[in-house]
Amino acid sequence: MPTALTLVFALVIAAMLIFSIFVRVELTEVNDKNLELSSELTSLNEENRRLRIEYEFAQNLDELEENAKNRLGMQSSLQRREQMIDTEPEDKAVVIDNG
């Protein structure tokens, strides 16, 4: 009986070792994929930054200014002038002491 029990324990231990090897292989594959995606993310962020810079330089500033004036009703900071705004007189409170 003790040899049979030892044999069962040996088989269980061997199965656990084989399972741990497979788990380690899968973990290594996931880690490699993670590194690949991290590298891809870095390159995409760099490309995004470069494209944003290109987009900013591609815009025609005169056209933007014209759209801001015509469509949005904006004014240049050089064209500002002071305007007086009439406001209602301030409210006053009257305290009545009935005492």
PDB file of N, CA and C in Angstrom:
ATOM      1  N   MET A   1       0.809  -1.202   0.000  1.00  0.00           N
ATOM      2  CA  MET A   1       0.000   0.000   0.000  1.00  0.00           C
ATOM      3  C   MET A   1       0.856   1.270   0.000  1.00  0.00           C
ATOM      4  N   PRO A   2       1.946   1.370   0.790  1.00  0.00           N
ATOM      5  CA  PRO A   2       2.747   2.585   0.776  1.00  0.00           C
ATOM      6  C   PRO A   2       3.369   2.865  -0.583  1.00  0.00           C
ATOM      7  N   THR A   3       3.746   1.863  -1.359  1.00  0.00           N
ATOM      8  CA  THR A   3       4.319   2.111  -2.674  1.00  0.00           C
ATOM      9  C   THR A   3       3.267   2.651  -3.636  1.00  0.00           C
ATOM     10  N   ALA A   4       2.041   2.185  -3.517  1.00  0.00           N
ATOM     11  CA  ALA A   4       0.971   2.691  -4.375  1.00  0.00           C
ATOM     12  C   ALA A   4       0.695   4.159  -4.057  1.00  0.00           C
ATOM     13  N   LEU A   5       0.691   4.489  -2.775  1.00  0.00           N
ATOM     14  CA  LEU A   5       0.473   5.873  -2.361  1.00  0.00           C
ATOM     15  C   LEU A   5       1.623   6.765  -2.841  1.00  0.00           C
ATOM     16  N   THR A   6       2.843   6.284  -2.775  1.00  0.00           N
ATOM     17  CA  THR A   6       3.998   7.035  -3.250  1.00  0.00           C
ATOM     18  C   THR A   6       3.915   7.236  -4.757  1.00  0.00           C
ATOM     19  N   LEU A   7       3.476   6.217  -5.458  1.00  0.00           N
ATOM     20  CA  LEU A   7       3.321   6.316  -6.902  1.00  0.00           C
ATOM     21  C   LEU A   7       2.253   7.354  -7.271  1.00  0.00           C
ATOM     22  N   VAL A   8       1.136   7.372  -6.543  1.00  0.00           N
ATOM     23  CA  VAL A   8       0.076   8.352  -6.790  1.00  0.00           C
ATOM     24  C   VAL A   8       0.595   9.766  -6.533  1.00  0.00           C
ATOM     25  N   PHE A   9       1.314   9.963  -5.422  1.00  0.00           N
ATOM     26  CA  PHE A   9       1.883  11.280  -5.128  1.00  0.00           C
ATOM     27  C   PHE A   9       2.876  11.717  -6.209  1.00  0.00           C
ATOM     28  N   ALA A  10       3.684  10.779  -6.696  1.00  0.00           N
ATOM     29  CA  ALA A  10       4.650  11.095  -7.745  1.00  0.00           C
ATOM     30  C   ALA A  10       3.937  11.509  -9.025  1.00  0.00           C
ATOM     31  N   LEU A  11       2.859  10.825  -9.369  1.00  0.00           N
ATOM     32  CA  LEU A  11       2.091  11.187 -10.566  1.00  0.00           C
ATOM     33  C   LEU A  11       1.430  12.557 -10.414  1.00  0.00           C
ATOM     34  N   VAL A  12       0.895  12.827  -9.225  1.00  0.00           N
ATOM     35  CA  VAL A  12       0.266  14.131  -8.980  1.00  0.00           C
ATOM     36  C   VAL A  12       1.308  15.240  -9.075  1.00  0.00           C
ATOM     37  N   ILE A  13       2.468  15.022  -8.501  1.00  0.00           N
ATOM     38  CA  ILE A  13       3.533  16.029  -8.552  1.00  0.00           C
ATOM     39  C   ILE A  13       3.997  16.241  -9.990  1.00  0.00           C
ATOM     40  N   ALA A  14       4.141  15.183 -10.755  1.00  0.00           N
ATOM     41  CA  ALA A  14       4.543  15.304 -12.158  1.00  0.00           C
ATOM     42  C   ALA A  14       3.488  16.079 -12.949  1.00  0.00           C
ATOM     43  N   ALA A  15       2.219  15.795 -12.692  1.00  0.00           N
ATOM     44  CA  ALA A  15       1.145  16.512 -13.386  1.00  0.00           C
ATOM     45  C   ALA A  15       1.170  17.990 -13.021  1.00  0.00           C
ATOM     46  N   MET A  16       1.420  18.296 -11.764  1.00  0.00           N
ATOM     47  CA  MET A  16       1.483  19.696 -11.341  1.00  0.00           C
ATOM     48  C   MET A  16       2.670  20.410 -11.980  1.00  0.00           C
ATOM     49  N   LEU A  17       3.794  19.735 -12.107  1.00  0.00           N
ATOM     50  CA  LEU A  17       4.959  20.343 -12.746  1.00  0.00           C
ATOM     51  C   LEU A  17       4.689  20.614 -14.223  1.00  0.00           C
ATOM     52  N   ILE A  18       4.067  19.665 -14.912  1.00  0.00           N
ATOM     53  CA  ILE A  18       3.732  19.860 -16.323  1.00  0.00           C
ATOM     54  C   ILE A  18       2.745  21.018 -16.477  1.00  0.00           C
ATOM     55  N   PHE A  19       1.738  21.088 -15.592  1.00  0.00           N
ATOM     56  CA  PHE A  19       0.767  22.177 -15.633  1.00  0.00           C
ATOM     57  C   PHE A  19       1.450  23.527 -15.399  1.00  0.00           C
ATOM     58  N   SER A  20       2.375  23.573 -14.453  1.00  0.00           N
ATOM     59  CA  SER A  20       3.065  24.842 -14.172  1.00  0.00           C
ATOM     60  C   SER A  20       3.928  25.263 -15.356  1.00  0.00           C
ATOM     61  N   ILE A  21       4.501  24.311 -16.080  1.00  0.00           N
ATOM     62  CA  ILE A  21       5.288  24.647 -17.275  1.00  0.00           C
ATOM     63  C   ILE A  21       4.390  25.261 -18.342  1.00  0.00           C
ATOM     64  N   PHE A  22       3.208  24.669 -18.555  1.00  0.00           N
ATOM     65  CA  PHE A  22       2.283  25.216 -19.539  1.00  0.00           C
ATOM     66  C   PHE A  22       1.802  26.617 -19.151  1.00  0.00           C
ATOM     67  N   VAL A  23       1.560  26.816 -17.869  1.00  0.00           N
ATOM     68  CA  VAL A  23       1.129  28.136 -17.394  1.00  0.00           C
ATOM     69  C   VAL A  23       2.243  29.153 -17.604  1.00  0.00           C
ATOM     70  N   ARG A  24       3.488  28.756 -17.351  1.00  0.00           N
ATOM     71  CA  ARG A  24       4.611  29.663 -17.540  1.00  0.00           C
ATOM     72  C   ARG A  24       4.785  30.023 -19.018  1.00  0.00           C
ATOM     73  N   VAL A  25       4.578  29.055 -19.910  1.00  0.00           N
ATOM     74  CA  VAL A  25       4.672  29.319 -21.349  1.00  0.00           C
ATOM     75  C   VAL A  25       3.593  30.320 -21.758  1.00  0.00           C
ATOM     76  N   GLU A  26       2.372  30.121 -21.262  1.00  0.00           N
ATOM     77  CA  GLU A  26       1.284  31.046 -21.592  1.00  0.00           C
ATOM     78  C   GLU A  26       1.574  32.442 -21.046  1.00  0.00           C
ATOM     79  N   LEU A  27       2.114  32.518 -19.846  1.00  0.00           N
ATOM     80  CA  LEU A  27       2.464  33.811 -19.251  1.00  0.00           C
ATOM     81  C   LEU A  27       3.532  34.520 -20.079  1.00  0.00           C
ATOM     82  N   THR A  28       4.501  33.768 -20.567  1.00  0.00           N
ATOM     83  CA  THR A  28       5.544  34.348 -21.408  1.00  0.00           C
ATOM     84  C   THR A  28       4.962  34.887 -22.709  1.00  0.00           C
ATOM     85  N   GLU A  29       4.016  34.153 -23.307  1.00  0.00           N
ATOM     86  CA  GLU A  29       3.372  34.617 -24.539  1.00  0.00           C
ATOM     87  C   GLU A  29       2.593  35.905 -24.300  1.00  0.00           C
ATOM     88  N   VAL A  30       1.877  35.975 -23.196  1.00  0.00           N
ATOM     89  CA  VAL A  30       1.105  37.175 -22.876  1.00  0.00           C
ATOM     90  C   VAL A  30       2.044  38.354 -22.619  1.00  0.00           C
ATOM     91  N   ASN A  31       3.151  38.101 -21.949  1.00  0.00           N
ATOM     92  CA  ASN A  31       4.121  39.167 -21.681  1.00  0.00           C
ATOM     93  C   ASN A  31       4.725  39.684 -22.989  1.00  0.00           C
ATOM     94  N   ASP A  32       5.058  38.778 -23.913  1.00  0.00           N
ATOM     95  CA  ASP A  32       5.593  39.203 -25.208  1.00  0.00           C
ATOM     96  C   ASP A  32       4.581  40.046 -25.971  1.00  0.00           C
ATOM     97  N   LYS A  33       3.323  39.629 -25.950  1.00  0.00           N
ATOM     98  CA  LYS A  33       2.262  40.394 -26.629  1.00  0.00           C
ATOM     99  C   LYS A  33       2.113  41.775 -25.984  1.00  0.00           C
ATOM    100  N   ASN A  34       2.215  41.821 -24.659  1.00  0.00           N
ATOM    101  CA  ASN A  34       2.113  43.094 -23.940  1.00  0.00           C
ATOM    102  C   ASN A  34       3.244  44.037 -24.351  1.00  0.00           C
ATOM    103  N   LEU A  35       4.460  43.515 -24.454  1.00  0.00           N
ATOM    104  CA  LEU A  35       5.593  44.351 -24.876  1.00  0.00           C
ATOM    105  C   LEU A  35       5.407  44.841 -26.311  1.00  0.00           C
ATOM    106  N   GLU A  36       4.884  43.971 -27.170  1.00  0.00           N
ATOM    107  CA  GLU A  36       4.651  44.366 -28.561  1.00  0.00           C
ATOM    108  C   GLU A  36       3.611  45.474 -28.643  1.00  0.00           C
ATOM    109  N   LEU A  37       2.517  45.327 -27.888  1.00  0.00           N
ATOM    110  CA  LEU A  37       1.468  46.354 -27.898  1.00  0.00           C
ATOM    111  C   LEU A  37       1.956  47.658 -27.272  1.00  0.00           C
ATOM    112  N   SER A  38       2.800  47.561 -26.265  1.00  0.00           N
ATOM    113  CA  SER A  38       3.357  48.762 -25.647  1.00  0.00           C
ATOM    114  C   SER A  38       4.227  49.518 -26.644  1.00  0.00           C
ATOM    115  N   SER A  39       5.018  48.797 -27.387  1.00  0.00           N
ATOM    116  CA  SER A  39       5.854  49.429 -28.408  1.00  0.00           C
ATOM    117  C   SER A  39       4.987  50.065 -29.494  1.00  0.00           C
ATOM    118  N   GLU A  40       3.920  49.367 -29.895  1.00  0.00           N
ATOM    119  CA  GLU A  40       3.009  49.917 -30.907  1.00  0.00           C
ATOM    120  C   GLU A  40       2.324  51.177 -30.396  1.00  0.00           C
ATOM    121  N   LEU A  41       1.922  51.177 -29.116  1.00  0.00           N
ATOM    122  CA  LEU A  41       1.287  52.356 -28.529  1.00  0.00           C
ATOM    123  C   LEU A  41       2.241  53.546 -28.535  1.00  0.00           C
ATOM    124  N   THR A  42       3.496  53.317 -28.202  1.00  0.00           N
ATOM    125  CA  THR A  42       4.483  54.387 -28.201  1.00  0.00           C
ATOM    126  C   THR A  42       4.646  54.981 -29.597  1.00  0.00           C
ATOM    127  N   SER A  43       4.733  54.109 -30.596  1.00  0.00           N
ATOM    128  CA  SER A  43       4.907  54.619 -31.964  1.00  0.00           C
ATOM    129  C   SER A  43       3.650  55.340 -32.446  1.00  0.00           C
ATOM    130  N   LEU A  44       2.465  54.851 -32.058  1.00  0.00           N
ATOM    131  CA  LEU A  44       1.230  55.533 -32.454  1.00  0.00           C
ATOM    132  C   LEU A  44       1.092  56.893 -31.770  1.00  0.00           C
ATOM    133  N   ASN A  45       1.504  56.977 -30.516  1.00  0.00           N
ATOM    134  CA  ASN A  45       1.471  58.276 -29.822  1.00  0.00           C
ATOM    135  C   ASN A  45       2.414  59.264 -30.482  1.00  0.00           C
ATOM    136  N   GLU A  46       3.575  58.792 -30.888  1.00  0.00           N
ATOM    137  CA  GLU A  46       4.535  59.659 -31.571  1.00  0.00           C
ATOM    138  C   GLU A  46       3.984  60.121 -32.920  1.00  0.00           C
ATOM    139  N   GLU A  47       3.355  59.197 -33.657  1.00  0.00           N
ATOM    140  CA  GLU A  47       2.764  59.561 -34.942  1.00  0.00           C
ATOM    141  C   GLU A  47       1.618  60.550 -34.750  1.00  0.00           C
ATOM    142  N   ASN A  48       0.816  60.346 -33.712  1.00  0.00           N
ATOM    143  CA  ASN A  48      -0.289  61.259 -33.407  1.00  0.00           C
ATOM    144  C   ASN A  48       0.240  62.661 -33.115  1.00  0.00           C
ATOM    145  N   ARG A  49       1.312  62.754 -32.329  1.00  0.00           N
ATOM    146  CA  ARG A  49       1.901  64.056 -32.014  1.00  0.00           C
ATOM    147  C   ARG A  49       2.405  64.737 -33.286  1.00  0.00           C
ATOM    148  N   ARG A  50       3.066  63.967 -34.138  1.00  0.00           N
ATOM    149  CA  ARG A  50       3.599  64.516 -35.387  1.00  0.00           C
ATOM    150  C   ARG A  50       2.468  64.986 -36.297  1.00  0.00           C
ATOM    151  N   LEU A  51       1.392  64.207 -36.385  1.00  0.00           N
ATOM    152  CA  LEU A  51       0.263  64.596 -37.236  1.00  0.00           C
ATOM    153  C   LEU A  51      -0.452  65.835 -36.704  1.00  0.00           C
ATOM    154  N   ARG A  52      -0.527  65.969 -35.385  1.00  0.00           N
ATOM    155  CA  ARG A  52      -1.133  67.179 -34.812  1.00  0.00           C
ATOM    156  C   ARG A  52      -0.321  68.414 -35.185  1.00  0.00           C
ATOM    157  N   ILE A  53       0.998  68.288 -35.126  1.00  0.00           N
ATOM    158  CA  ILE A  53       1.865  69.418 -35.489  1.00  0.00           C
ATOM    159  C   ILE A  53       1.677  69.759 -36.962  1.00  0.00           C
ATOM    160  N   GLU A  54       1.637  68.732 -37.818  1.00  0.00           N
ATOM    161  CA  GLU A  54       1.418  68.972 -39.245  1.00  0.00           C
ATOM    162  C   GLU A  54       0.070  69.636 -39.490  1.00  0.00           C
ATOM    163  N   TYR A  55      -0.949  69.212 -38.762  1.00  0.00           N
ATOM    164  CA  TYR A  55      -2.286  69.790 -38.917  1.00  0.00           C
ATOM    165  C   TYR A  55      -2.292  71.260 -38.526  1.00  0.00           C
ATOM    166  N   GLU A  56      -1.605  71.584 -37.441  1.00  0.00           N
ATOM    167  CA  GLU A  56      -1.557  72.981 -37.002  1.00  0.00           C
ATOM    168  C   GLU A  56      -0.870  73.862 -38.041  1.00  0.00           C
ATOM    169  N   PHE A  57       0.192  73.356 -38.645  1.00  0.00           N
ATOM    170  CA  PHE A  57       0.886  74.144 -39.660  1.00  0.00           C
ATOM    171  C   PHE A  57       0.114  74.192 -40.974  1.00  0.00           C
ATOM    172  N   ALA A  58      -0.766  73.226 -41.213  1.00  0.00           N
ATOM    173  CA  ALA A  58      -1.517  73.177 -42.468  1.00  0.00           C
ATOM    174  C   ALA A  58      -2.692  74.160 -42.471  1.00  0.00           C
ATOM    175  N   GLN A  59      -3.102  74.624 -41.305  1.00  0.00           N
ATOM    176  CA  GLN A  59      -4.237  75.532 -41.236  1.00  0.00           C
ATOM    177  C   GLN A  59      -3.827  76.911 -41.740  1.00  0.00           C
ATOM    178  N   ASN A  60      -4.726  77.498 -42.490  1.00  0.00           N
ATOM    179  CA  ASN A  60      -4.511  78.850 -43.008  1.00  0.00           C
ATOM    180  C   ASN A  60      -5.036  79.830 -41.959  1.00  0.00           C
ATOM    181  N   LEU A  61      -4.151  80.599 -41.364  1.00  0.00           N
ATOM    182  CA  LEU A  61      -4.554  81.495 -40.278  1.00  0.00           C
ATOM    183  C   LEU A  61      -5.477  82.609 -40.762  1.00  0.00           C
ATOM    184  N   ASP A  62      -5.276  83.083 -41.991  1.00  0.00           N
ATOM    185  CA  ASP A  62      -6.165  84.122 -42.527  1.00  0.00           C
ATOM    186  C   ASP A  62      -7.579  83.572 -42.687  1.00  0.00           C
ATOM    187  N   GLU A  63      -7.688  82.335 -43.137  1.00  0.00           N
ATOM    188  CA  GLU A  63      -9.007  81.715 -43.295  1.00  0.00           C
ATOM    189  C   GLU A  63      -9.671  81.494 -41.937  1.00  0.00           C
ATOM    190  N   LEU A  64      -8.895  81.085 -40.945  1.00  0.00           N
ATOM    191  CA  LEU A  64      -9.439  80.920 -39.596  1.00  0.00           C
ATOM    192  C   LEU A  64      -9.939  82.247 -39.039  1.00  0.00           C
ATOM    193  N   GLU A  65      -9.174  83.294 -39.248  1.00  0.00           N
ATOM    194  CA  GLU A  65      -9.575  84.613 -38.758  1.00  0.00           C
ATOM    195  C   GLU A  65     -10.856  85.077 -39.445  1.00  0.00           C
ATOM    196  N   GLU A  66     -10.952  84.837 -40.750  1.00  0.00           N
ATOM    197  CA  GLU A  66     -12.147  85.237 -41.500  1.00  0.00           C
ATOM    198  C   GLU A  66     -13.376  84.460 -41.009  1.00  0.00           C
ATOM    199  N   ASN A  67     -13.219  83.158 -40.761  1.00  0.00           N
ATOM    200  CA  ASN A  67     -14.336  82.365 -40.229  1.00  0.00           C
ATOM    201  C   ASN A  67     -14.754  82.848 -38.846  1.00  0.00           C
ATOM    202  N   ALA A  68     -13.775  83.187 -38.018  1.00  0.00           N
ATOM    203  CA  ALA A  68     -14.085  83.665 -36.669  1.00  0.00           C
ATOM    204  C   ALA A  68     -14.864  84.971 -36.726  1.00  0.00           C
ATOM    205  N   LYS A  69     -14.506  85.848 -37.655  1.00  0.00           N
ATOM    206  CA  LYS A  69     -15.210  87.128 -37.771  1.00  0.00           C
ATOM    207  C   LYS A  69     -16.602  86.946 -38.351  1.00  0.00           C
ATOM    208  N   ASN A  70     -16.711  86.204 -39.447  1.00  0.00           N
ATOM    209  CA  ASN A  70     -17.987  86.106 -40.165  1.00  0.00           C
ATOM    210  C   ASN A  70     -18.977  85.142 -39.514  1.00  0.00           C
ATOM    211  N   ARG A  71     -18.532  83.950 -39.187  1.00  0.00           N
ATOM    212  CA  ARG A  71     -19.465  82.945 -38.676  1.00  0.00           C
ATOM    213  C   ARG A  71     -19.711  83.069 -37.185  1.00  0.00           C
ATOM    214  N   LEU A  72     -18.678  83.419 -36.431  1.00  0.00           N
ATOM    215  CA  LEU A  72     -18.796  83.433 -34.983  1.00  0.00           C
ATOM    216  C   LEU A  72     -18.961  84.830 -34.402  1.00  0.00           C
ATOM    217  N   GLY A  73     -18.795  85.858 -35.217  1.00  0.00           N
ATOM    218  CA  GLY A  73     -18.964  87.226 -34.741  1.00  0.00           C
ATOM    219  C   GLY A  73     -17.864  87.687 -33.810  1.00  0.00           C
ATOM    220  N   MET A  74     -16.696  87.096 -33.911  1.00  0.00           N
ATOM    221  CA  MET A  74     -15.587  87.476 -33.038  1.00  0.00           C
ATOM    222  C   MET A  74     -14.870  88.689 -33.615  1.00  0.00           C
ATOM    223  N   GLN A  75     -14.129  89.361 -32.756  1.00  0.00           N
ATOM    224  CA  GLN A  75     -13.353  90.516 -33.179  1.00  0.00           C
ATOM    225  C   GLN A  75     -11.898  90.306 -32.815  1.00  0.00           C
ATOM    226  N   SER A  76     -11.054  90.957 -33.545  1.00  0.00           N
ATOM    227  CA  SER A  76      -9.635  90.922 -33.227  1.00  0.00           C
ATOM    228  C   SER A  76      -9.411  91.728 -31.957  1.00  0.00           C
ATOM    229  N   SER A  77      -8.413  91.339 -31.198  1.00  0.00           N
ATOM    230  CA  SER A  77      -8.122  92.087 -29.971  1.00  0.00           C
ATOM    231  C   SER A  77      -7.674  93.509 -30.293  1.00  0.00           C
ATOM    232  N   LEU A  78      -7.214  93.752 -31.520  1.00  0.00           N
ATOM    233  CA  LEU A  78      -6.815  95.098 -31.927  1.00  0.00           C
ATOM    234  C   LEU A  78      -8.029  95.968 -32.241  1.00  0.00           C
ATOM    235  N   GLN A  79      -9.163  95.364 -32.530  1.00  0.00           N
ATOM    236  CA  GLN A  79     -10.357  96.109 -32.902  1.00  0.00           C
ATOM    237  C   GLN A  79     -11.282  96.371 -31.717  1.00  0.00           C
ATOM    238  N   ARG A  80     -10.922  95.974 -30.555  1.00  0.00           N
ATOM    239  CA  ARG A  80     -11.810  96.156 -29.401  1.00  0.00           C
ATOM    240  C   ARG A  80     -11.922  97.630 -29.052  1.00  0.00           C
ATOM    241  N   ARG A  81     -13.092  97.990 -28.622  1.00  0.00           N
ATOM    242  CA  ARG A  81     -13.299  99.347 -28.138  1.00  0.00           C
ATOM    243  C   ARG A  81     -14.167  99.269 -26.888  1.00  0.00           C
ATOM    244  N   GLU A  82     -14.021 100.262 -26.070  1.00  0.00           N
ATOM    245  CA  GLU A  82     -14.783 100.263 -24.827  1.00  0.00           C
ATOM    246  C   GLU A  82     -16.231 100.577 -25.122  1.00  0.00           C
ATOM    247  N   GLN A  83     -17.116  99.897 -24.427  1.00  0.00           N
ATOM    248  CA  GLN A  83     -18.547 100.143 -24.561  1.00  0.00           C
ATOM    249  C   GLN A  83     -19.119 100.351 -23.173  1.00  0.00           C
ATOM    250  N   MET A  84     -20.026 101.291 -23.081  1.00  0.00           N
ATOM    251  CA  MET A  84     -20.703 101.531 -21.816  1.00  0.00           C
ATOM    252  C   MET A  84     -21.958 100.665 -21.769  1.00  0.00           C
ATOM    253  N   ILE A  85     -22.159 100.025 -20.659  1.00  0.00           N
ATOM    254  CA  ILE A  85     -23.337  99.195 -20.472  1.00  0.00           C
ATOM    255  C   ILE A  85     -24.166  99.817 -19.357  1.00  0.00           C
ATOM    256  N   ASP A  86     -25.393 100.167 -19.703  1.00  0.00           N
ATOM    257  CA  ASP A  86     -26.295 100.728 -18.687  1.00  0.00           C
ATOM    258  C   ASP A  86     -26.866  99.587 -17.867  1.00  0.00           C
ATOM    259  N   THR A  87     -26.766  99.735 -16.556  1.00  0.00           N
ATOM    260  CA  THR A  87     -27.313  98.716 -15.666  1.00  0.00           C
ATOM    261  C   THR A  87     -28.396  99.346 -14.816  1.00  0.00           C
ATOM    262  N   GLU A  88     -29.228  98.520 -14.295  1.00  0.00           N
ATOM    263  CA  GLU A  88     -30.291  99.000 -13.410  1.00  0.00           C
ATOM    264  C   GLU A  88     -29.662  99.545 -12.135  1.00  0.00           C
ATOM    265  N   PRO A  89     -30.324 100.531 -11.498  1.00  0.00           N
ATOM    266  CA  PRO A  89     -29.785 101.016 -10.223  1.00  0.00           C
ATOM    267  C   PRO A  89     -29.795  99.886  -9.192  1.00  0.00           C
ATOM    268  N   GLU A  90     -28.912 100.000  -8.266  1.00  0.00           N
ATOM    269  CA  GLU A  90     -28.792  98.948  -7.257  1.00  0.00           C
ATOM    270  C   GLU A  90     -30.038  98.895  -6.390  1.00  0.00           C
ATOM    271  N   ASP A  91     -30.412  97.709  -5.978  1.00  0.00           N
ATOM    272  CA  ASP A  91     -31.541  97.545  -5.056  1.00  0.00           C
ATOM    273  C   ASP A  91     -31.136  98.049  -3.683  1.00  0.00           C
ATOM    274  N   LYS A  92     -32.121  98.647  -2.999  1.00  0.00           N
ATOM    275  CA  LYS A  92     -31.843  99.133  -1.649  1.00  0.00           C
ATOM    276  C   LYS A  92     -32.795  98.426  -0.692  1.00  0.00           C
ATOM    277  N   ALA A  93     -32.312  98.148   0.474  1.00  0.00           N
ATOM    278  CA  ALA A  93     -33.137  97.508   1.481  1.00  0.00           C
ATOM    279  C   ALA A  93     -33.431  98.524   2.589  1.00  0.00           C
ATOM    280  N   VAL A  94     -34.653  98.518   3.027  1.00  0.00           N
ATOM    281  CA  VAL A  94     -35.057  99.421   4.108  1.00  0.00           C
ATOM    282  C   VAL A  94     -35.409  98.532   5.308  1.00  0.00           C
ATOM    283  N   VAL A  95     -34.785  98.843   6.447  1.00  0.00           N
ATOM    284  CA  VAL A  95     -35.040  98.077   7.664  1.00  0.00           C
ATOM    285  C   VAL A  95     -36.013  98.876   8.512  1.00  0.00           C
ATOM    286  N   ILE A  96     -37.131  98.263   8.831  1.00  0.00           N
ATOM    287  CA  ILE A  96     -38.143  98.931   9.675  1.00  0.00           C
ATOM    288  C   ILE A  96     -38.133  98.275  11.045  1.00  0.00           C
ATOM    289  N   ASP A  97     -37.940  99.110  12.058  1.00  0.00           N
ATOM    290  CA  ASP A  97     -37.909  98.573  13.403  1.00  0.00           C
ATOM    291  C   ASP A  97     -39.245  98.897  14.066  1.00  0.00           C
ATOM    292  N   ASN A  98     -40.014  97.890  14.373  1.00  0.00           N
ATOM    293  CA  ASN A  98     -41.331  98.086  14.983  1.00  0.00           C
ATOM    294  C   ASN A  98     -41.236  98.059  16.516  1.00  0.00           C
ATOM    295  N   GLY A  99     -40.118  98.163  17.025  1.00  0.00           N
ATOM    296  CA  GLY A  99     -39.957  97.926  18.428  1.00  0.00           C
ATOM    297  C   GLY A  99     -39.971  99.023  19.328  1.00  0.00           C
TER     298      GLY A  99
END
